[in-house]
Amino acid sequence: MTTTPSDVRHARIAWRCRRGMRELDLLLQKFLASGLRSLGEDDLDRLERLLLEPDQDILAWLSRAGEPDDADMRAIVNIVRGQIEP
């Protein structure tokens, strides 16, 4: 089996989704299981940017306790929310 650059990128993102907050870990793991493979390159770029943000901010955005100011960040937050919300 050969490893593609896409596989490597997905693995790197999955590793970065392991956070210091258990609540955030659970949300991101749910997203990884359901939505990561459906993202295009631009959204993967946005997701990687999102994962550079502080845990508290990401958790607030995903739980609708706040909204990011940046339009690209709002876009990926909405995509993740769409995969993790019932």
Protein backbone atom coordinates (compact mmCIF):
# COMPACT_ATOMS: atom_id res chain seq x y z
CA MET A 1 0.00 0.00 0.00
CA THR A 2 1.38 3.40 -0.95
CA THR A 3 0.97 6.50 1.14
CA THR A 4 -0.22 9.56 -0.75
CA PRO A 5 0.46 13.18 0.21
CA SER A 6 -3.24 13.43 1.03
CA ASP A 7 -2.95 10.52 3.47
CA VAL A 8 0.02 12.19 5.15
CA ARG A 9 -1.84 15.48 5.42
CA HIS A 10 -4.92 13.81 6.89
CA ALA A 11 -2.76 11.97 9.43
CA ARG A 12 -1.01 15.21 10.40
CA ILE A 13 -4.37 16.96 10.87
CA ALA A 14 -5.70 14.02 12.90
CA TRP A 15 -2.68 14.28 15.20
CA ARG A 16 -3.20 18.04 15.60
CA CYS A 17 -6.82 17.41 16.57
CA ARG A 18 -5.56 15.85 19.80
CA ARG A 19 -5.94 18.78 22.14
CA GLY A 20 -5.52 19.59 25.82
CA MET A 21 -9.26 19.82 26.51
CA ARG A 22 -11.23 16.60 26.65
CA GLU A 23 -14.44 18.30 25.46
CA LEU A 24 -12.67 19.67 22.40
CA ASP A 25 -11.00 16.32 21.73
CA LEU A 26 -14.41 14.65 21.60
CA LEU A 27 -15.82 17.21 19.17
CA LEU A 28 -12.81 17.07 16.87
CA GLN A 29 -12.65 13.27 16.92
CA LYS A 30 -16.31 13.17 15.90
CA PHE A 31 -15.51 15.50 13.00
CA LEU A 32 -12.50 13.42 11.96
CA ALA A 33 -14.65 10.31 11.81
CA SER A 34 -17.36 11.91 9.71
CA GLY A 35 -16.07 14.88 7.76
CA LEU A 36 -12.32 15.09 7.24
CA ARG A 37 -12.16 13.06 4.02
CA SER A 38 -14.83 15.22 2.39
CA LEU A 39 -12.80 18.44 2.67
CA GLY A 40 -11.12 19.97 -0.35
CA GLU A 41 -7.66 21.50 -0.28
CA ASP A 42 -8.88 25.01 0.60
CA ASP A 43 -10.92 23.71 3.52
CA LEU A 44 -8.00 21.57 4.69
CA ASP A 45 -5.91 24.76 4.70
CA ARG A 46 -8.61 26.47 6.77
CA LEU A 47 -8.79 23.53 9.17
CA GLU A 48 -5.03 23.62 9.68
CA ARG A 49 -5.30 27.35 10.46
CA LEU A 50 -8.16 26.66 12.88
CA LEU A 51 -6.02 24.13 14.74
CA LEU A 52 -3.41 26.83 15.38
CA GLU A 53 -5.92 28.75 17.50
CA PRO A 54 -6.13 28.39 21.30
CA ASP A 55 -8.25 25.50 22.57
CA GLN A 56 -10.61 27.82 24.43
CA ASP A 57 -11.40 29.76 21.25
CA ILE A 58 -11.99 26.65 19.16
CA LEU A 59 -14.27 25.15 21.81
CA ALA A 60 -16.24 28.40 22.09
CA TRP A 61 -16.68 28.60 18.32
CA LEU A 62 -17.70 24.96 17.90
CA SER A 63 -20.16 25.17 20.80
CA ARG A 64 -21.68 28.40 19.42
CA ALA A 65 -20.52 30.47 22.41
CA GLY A 66 -18.76 32.80 19.98
CA GLU A 67 -17.84 33.38 16.34
CA PRO A 68 -14.43 33.91 14.79
CA ASP A 69 -13.86 37.35 13.24
CA ASP A 70 -12.14 35.95 10.15
CA ALA A 71 -14.46 34.85 7.30
CA ASP A 72 -12.31 31.83 6.37
CA MET A 73 -12.27 30.73 9.99
CA ARG A 74 -16.06 31.11 10.20
CA ALA A 75 -16.39 28.98 7.07
CA ILE A 76 -14.44 26.04 8.48
CA VAL A 77 -16.11 26.36 11.89
CA ASN A 78 -19.49 26.09 10.16
CA ILE A 79 -18.34 23.02 8.22
CA VAL A 80 -17.14 21.32 11.41
CA ARG A 81 -20.34 22.27 13.25
CA GLY A 82 -22.38 20.76 10.43
CA GLN A 83 -20.65 17.42 10.96
CA ILE A 84 -20.73 17.31 14.76
CA GLU A 85 -24.16 18.69 15.56
CA PRO A 86 -27.18 16.37 15.61
